Amino acid sequence: MMNKVRTNYNVGDIIEFKKEHPCGGKQWKIIRVGVDCKLECMTCKRIIIIPRIDIAKKMKKIVFENIPN
């Protein structure tokens, strides 16, 4: 049986990656979603753009889930 990979994320979600950012942080806040997602490091405020499918591969867990109204 195939594992279902979560691909729908919301602006404001905070996720944790498996590997650390060079600044030492592992938590990222999603600030834009689409085919590519824009993430902001919670430690150093660095902003990166990453394909949505790569987030599922690099993510360890969801720390905070922002539920839209």
C-alpha atoms as a PDB file:
ATOM      1  CA  MET A   1       0.000   0.000   0.000  1.00  0.00           C
ATOM      2  CA  MET A   2       1.257   3.485  -0.882  1.00  0.00           C
ATOM      3  CA  ASN A   3       1.788   6.085   1.803  1.00  0.00           C
ATOM      4  CA  LYS A   4      -0.229   9.227   1.193  1.00  0.00           C
ATOM      5  CA  VAL A   5       1.994  12.295   1.158  1.00  0.00           C
ATOM      6  CA  ARG A   6       0.497  15.557   2.349  1.00  0.00           C
ATOM      7  CA  THR A   7       0.773  18.204  -0.346  1.00  0.00           C
ATOM      8  CA  ASN A   8      -1.695  20.858   0.821  1.00  0.00           C
ATOM      9  CA  TYR A   9      -0.198  23.461   3.113  1.00  0.00           C
ATOM     10  CA  ASN A  10      -1.626  26.735   4.408  1.00  0.00           C
ATOM     11  CA  VAL A  11      -0.029  30.137   4.873  1.00  0.00           C
ATOM     12  CA  GLY A  12       1.066  30.355   8.503  1.00  0.00           C
ATOM     13  CA  ASP A  13       1.861  26.649   8.957  1.00  0.00           C
ATOM     14  CA  ILE A  14       5.150  25.999  10.746  1.00  0.00           C
ATOM     15  CA  ILE A  15       7.019  22.889   9.629  1.00  0.00           C
ATOM     16  CA  GLU A  16      10.208  21.202  10.776  1.00  0.00           C
ATOM     17  CA  PHE A  17      12.760  19.855   8.299  1.00  0.00           C
ATOM     18  CA  LYS A  18      14.926  16.776   8.832  1.00  0.00           C
ATOM     19  CA  LYS A  19      18.181  18.702   8.276  1.00  0.00           C
ATOM     20  CA  GLU A  20      19.215  21.932   9.975  1.00  0.00           C
ATOM     21  CA  HIS A  21      19.587  25.253   8.196  1.00  0.00           C
ATOM     22  CA  PRO A  22      23.186  26.612   8.407  1.00  0.00           C
ATOM     23  CA  CYS A  23      21.991  29.035  11.124  1.00  0.00           C
ATOM     24  CA  GLY A  24      21.004  26.046  13.292  1.00  0.00           C
ATOM     25  CA  GLY A  25      17.233  26.325  12.897  1.00  0.00           C
ATOM     26  CA  LYS A  26      14.963  23.527  11.722  1.00  0.00           C
ATOM     27  CA  GLN A  27      11.589  25.296  11.799  1.00  0.00           C
ATOM     28  CA  TRP A  28      10.166  27.135   8.799  1.00  0.00           C
ATOM     29  CA  LYS A  29       7.015  29.242   8.414  1.00  0.00           C
ATOM     30  CA  ILE A  30       5.063  29.030   5.151  1.00  0.00           C
ATOM     31  CA  ILE A  31       4.455  32.556   3.850  1.00  0.00           C
ATOM     32  CA  ARG A  32       3.188  31.736   0.322  1.00  0.00           C
ATOM     33  CA  VAL A  33       1.749  28.613  -1.308  1.00  0.00           C
ATOM     34  CA  GLY A  34       1.387  27.588  -4.940  1.00  0.00           C
ATOM     35  CA  VAL A  35       3.378  25.265  -7.194  1.00  0.00           C
ATOM     36  CA  ASP A  36       6.370  26.628  -5.294  1.00  0.00           C
ATOM     37  CA  CYS A  37       6.180  27.557  -1.622  1.00  0.00           C
ATOM     38  CA  LYS A  38       7.948  30.460   0.039  1.00  0.00           C
ATOM     39  CA  LEU A  39       9.343  29.607   3.465  1.00  0.00           C
ATOM     40  CA  GLU A  40      10.876  31.787   6.169  1.00  0.00           C
ATOM     41  CA  CYS A  41      13.405  30.385   8.655  1.00  0.00           C
ATOM     42  CA  MET A  42      12.096  30.960  12.178  1.00  0.00           C
ATOM     43  CA  THR A  43      15.633  31.474  13.519  1.00  0.00           C
ATOM     44  CA  CYS A  44      17.368  33.822  11.064  1.00  0.00           C
ATOM     45  CA  LYS A  45      14.372  35.041   8.981  1.00  0.00           C
ATOM     46  CA  ARG A  46      16.000  33.873   5.728  1.00  0.00           C
ATOM     47  CA  ILE A  47      13.443  33.352   2.925  1.00  0.00           C
ATOM     48  CA  ILE A  48      13.661  30.479   0.434  1.00  0.00           C
ATOM     49  CA  ILE A  49      11.446  29.272  -2.406  1.00  0.00           C
ATOM     50  CA  ILE A  50      11.088  25.508  -2.706  1.00  0.00           C
ATOM     51  CA  PRO A  51       8.904  23.281  -4.916  1.00  0.00           C
ATOM     52  CA  ARG A  52       5.872  21.939  -3.039  1.00  0.00           C
ATOM     53  CA  ILE A  53       6.810  18.306  -3.755  1.00  0.00           C
ATOM     54  CA  ASP A  54      10.261  18.823  -2.175  1.00  0.00           C
ATOM     55  CA  ILE A  55       8.685  20.010   1.080  1.00  0.00           C
ATOM     56  CA  ALA A  56       7.094  16.597   1.576  1.00  0.00           C
ATOM     57  CA  LYS A  57      10.499  14.917   1.092  1.00  0.00           C
ATOM     58  CA  LYS A  58      12.395  17.244   3.452  1.00  0.00           C
ATOM     59  CA  MET A  59       9.740  17.689   6.137  1.00  0.00           C
ATOM     60  CA  LYS A  60       9.934  15.845   9.433  1.00  0.00           C
ATOM     61  CA  LYS A  61       6.711  17.106  11.054  1.00  0.00           C
ATOM     62  CA  ILE A  62       4.205  19.926  11.247  1.00  0.00           C
ATOM     63  CA  VAL A  63       4.822  21.990  14.387  1.00  0.00           C
ATOM     64  CA  PHE A  64       1.830  24.340  14.027  1.00  0.00           C
ATOM     65  CA  GLU A  65      -1.053  24.035  11.589  1.00  0.00           C
ATOM     66  CA  ASN A  66      -2.865  27.235  10.660  1.00  0.00           C
ATOM     67  CA  ILE A  67      -6.494  26.378   9.887  1.00  0.00           C
ATOM     68  CA  PRO A  68      -8.108  28.894   7.503  1.00  0.00           C
ATOM     69  CA  ASN A  69     -11.627  30.096   8.299  1.00  0.00           C
END
